[in-house]
Amino acid sequence: MLTMRGMCCTDNAVYSIIDTTTLVKPDVSFDATDSQDLSFYSVEKQNHYPRNSSAYTLPLANHLNLPLLI
């Protein structure tokens, strides 16, 4: 399991990202350290990885793509 830390330090709830609307525990998870709406997070498969690869990126609100290796 790969865990990603959030941006600030208000709470430490752990969410799993299933799609852009559903947050449940635990497969791909990160610590949501603020209480904002997390529906803008989505896990997208990138075309430049091999077809049998399970590498995903998590597009953040600041347009940084962080690779998730699942």
C-alpha atoms as a PDB file:
ATOM      1  CA  MET A   1       0.000   0.000   0.000  1.00  0.00           C
ATOM      2  CA  LEU A   2       1.316   3.424  -0.952  1.00  0.00           C
ATOM      3  CA  THR A   3       0.384   6.267   1.369  1.00  0.00           C
ATOM      4  CA  MET A   4       0.581   9.909   0.353  1.00  0.00           C
ATOM      5  CA  ARG A   5       0.649  12.787   2.800  1.00  0.00           C
ATOM      6  CA  GLY A   6      -1.568  15.820   2.350  1.00  0.00           C
ATOM      7  CA  MET A   7      -0.770  19.519   2.349  1.00  0.00           C
ATOM      8  CA  CYS A   8      -1.390  20.922   5.852  1.00  0.00           C
ATOM      9  CA  CYS A   9      -1.812  19.646   9.383  1.00  0.00           C
ATOM     10  CA  THR A  10      -5.462  19.824  10.472  1.00  0.00           C
ATOM     11  CA  ASP A  11      -6.462  16.137  10.565  1.00  0.00           C
ATOM     12  CA  ASN A  12      -5.030  12.745   9.643  1.00  0.00           C
ATOM     13  CA  ALA A  13      -7.951  10.872   8.095  1.00  0.00           C
ATOM     14  CA  VAL A  14      -6.959   8.160   5.626  1.00  0.00           C
ATOM     15  CA  TYR A  15      -8.981   7.857   2.432  1.00  0.00           C
ATOM     16  CA  SER A  16      -8.800   5.563  -0.546  1.00  0.00           C
ATOM     17  CA  ILE A  17      -9.298   6.979  -4.003  1.00  0.00           C
ATOM     18  CA  ILE A  18     -11.686   4.797  -5.977  1.00  0.00           C
ATOM     19  CA  ASP A  19     -13.132   7.375  -8.371  1.00  0.00           C
ATOM     20  CA  THR A  20     -13.744  11.123  -8.353  1.00  0.00           C
ATOM     21  CA  THR A  21     -16.806  10.816  -6.104  1.00  0.00           C
ATOM     22  CA  THR A  22     -16.254   7.797  -3.812  1.00  0.00           C
ATOM     23  CA  LEU A  23     -13.782   7.763  -0.931  1.00  0.00           C
ATOM     24  CA  VAL A  24     -13.527   4.470   0.971  1.00  0.00           C
ATOM     25  CA  LYS A  25     -10.811   2.519   2.825  1.00  0.00           C
ATOM     26  CA  PRO A  26      -8.111   1.141   1.959  1.00  0.00           C
ATOM     27  CA  ASP A  27      -6.385   0.265  -1.362  1.00  0.00           C
ATOM     28  CA  VAL A  28      -4.763   3.374  -2.781  1.00  0.00           C
ATOM     29  CA  SER A  29      -4.810   5.747   0.157  1.00  0.00           C
ATOM     30  CA  PHE A  30      -3.392   9.019   1.367  1.00  0.00           C
ATOM     31  CA  ASP A  31      -3.654  11.041   4.539  1.00  0.00           C
ATOM     32  CA  ALA A  32      -6.176  13.820   3.965  1.00  0.00           C
ATOM     33  CA  THR A  33      -4.716  16.487   6.193  1.00  0.00           C
ATOM     34  CA  ASP A  34      -7.339  19.071   5.457  1.00  0.00           C
ATOM     35  CA  SER A  35     -11.123  18.780   5.535  1.00  0.00           C
ATOM     36  CA  GLN A  36     -11.812  20.123   2.042  1.00  0.00           C
ATOM     37  CA  ASP A  37     -13.824  18.280  -0.587  1.00  0.00           C
ATOM     38  CA  LEU A  38     -11.615  15.600  -2.133  1.00  0.00           C
ATOM     39  CA  SER A  39     -13.758  14.942  -5.202  1.00  0.00           C
ATOM     40  CA  PHE A  40     -11.261  16.682  -7.500  1.00  0.00           C
ATOM     41  CA  TYR A  41      -8.748  13.876  -6.846  1.00  0.00           C
ATOM     42  CA  SER A  42      -8.797  11.103  -9.401  1.00  0.00           C
ATOM     43  CA  VAL A  43      -6.559   8.193 -10.299  1.00  0.00           C
ATOM     44  CA  GLU A  44      -5.756   8.188 -14.015  1.00  0.00           C
ATOM     45  CA  LYS A  45      -3.802   5.573 -15.953  1.00  0.00           C
ATOM     46  CA  GLN A  46      -1.055   7.191 -17.998  1.00  0.00           C
ATOM     47  CA  ASN A  47      -0.491   6.184 -21.625  1.00  0.00           C
ATOM     48  CA  HIS A  48       3.304   6.269 -21.458  1.00  0.00           C
ATOM     49  CA  TYR A  49       3.446   3.287 -19.075  1.00  0.00           C
ATOM     50  CA  PRO A  50       3.445  -0.294 -20.431  1.00  0.00           C
ATOM     51  CA  ARG A  51       0.052  -1.954 -20.705  1.00  0.00           C
ATOM     52  CA  ASN A  52       0.824  -4.456 -17.968  1.00  0.00           C
ATOM     53  CA  SER A  53       2.059  -1.733 -15.606  1.00  0.00           C
ATOM     54  CA  SER A  54      -0.011  -0.648 -12.639  1.00  0.00           C
ATOM     55  CA  ALA A  55       1.562   2.802 -12.453  1.00  0.00           C
ATOM     56  CA  TYR A  56      -0.967   5.576 -11.961  1.00  0.00           C
ATOM     57  CA  THR A  57      -0.662   9.285 -11.318  1.00  0.00           C
ATOM     58  CA  LEU A  58      -2.738  11.365  -8.952  1.00  0.00           C
ATOM     59  CA  PRO A  59      -3.455  14.791 -10.490  1.00  0.00           C
ATOM     60  CA  LEU A  60      -3.514  17.340  -7.685  1.00  0.00           C
ATOM     61  CA  ALA A  61      -5.176  20.741  -7.599  1.00  0.00           C
ATOM     62  CA  ASN A  62      -1.802  22.390  -8.185  1.00  0.00           C
ATOM     63  CA  HIS A  63      -1.350  20.354 -11.414  1.00  0.00           C
ATOM     64  CA  LEU A  64       1.477  18.206 -10.099  1.00  0.00           C
ATOM     65  CA  ASN A  65       1.350  14.580 -11.202  1.00  0.00           C
ATOM     66  CA  LEU A  66       2.642  12.257  -8.501  1.00  0.00           C
ATOM     67  CA  PRO A  67       3.286   8.671  -9.657  1.00  0.00           C
ATOM     68  CA  LEU A  68       1.526   5.938  -7.702  1.00  0.00           C
ATOM     69  CA  LEU A  69       3.034   2.477  -8.057  1.00  0.00           C
ATOM     70  CA  ILE A  70       0.403  -0.010  -6.968  1.00  0.00           C
END
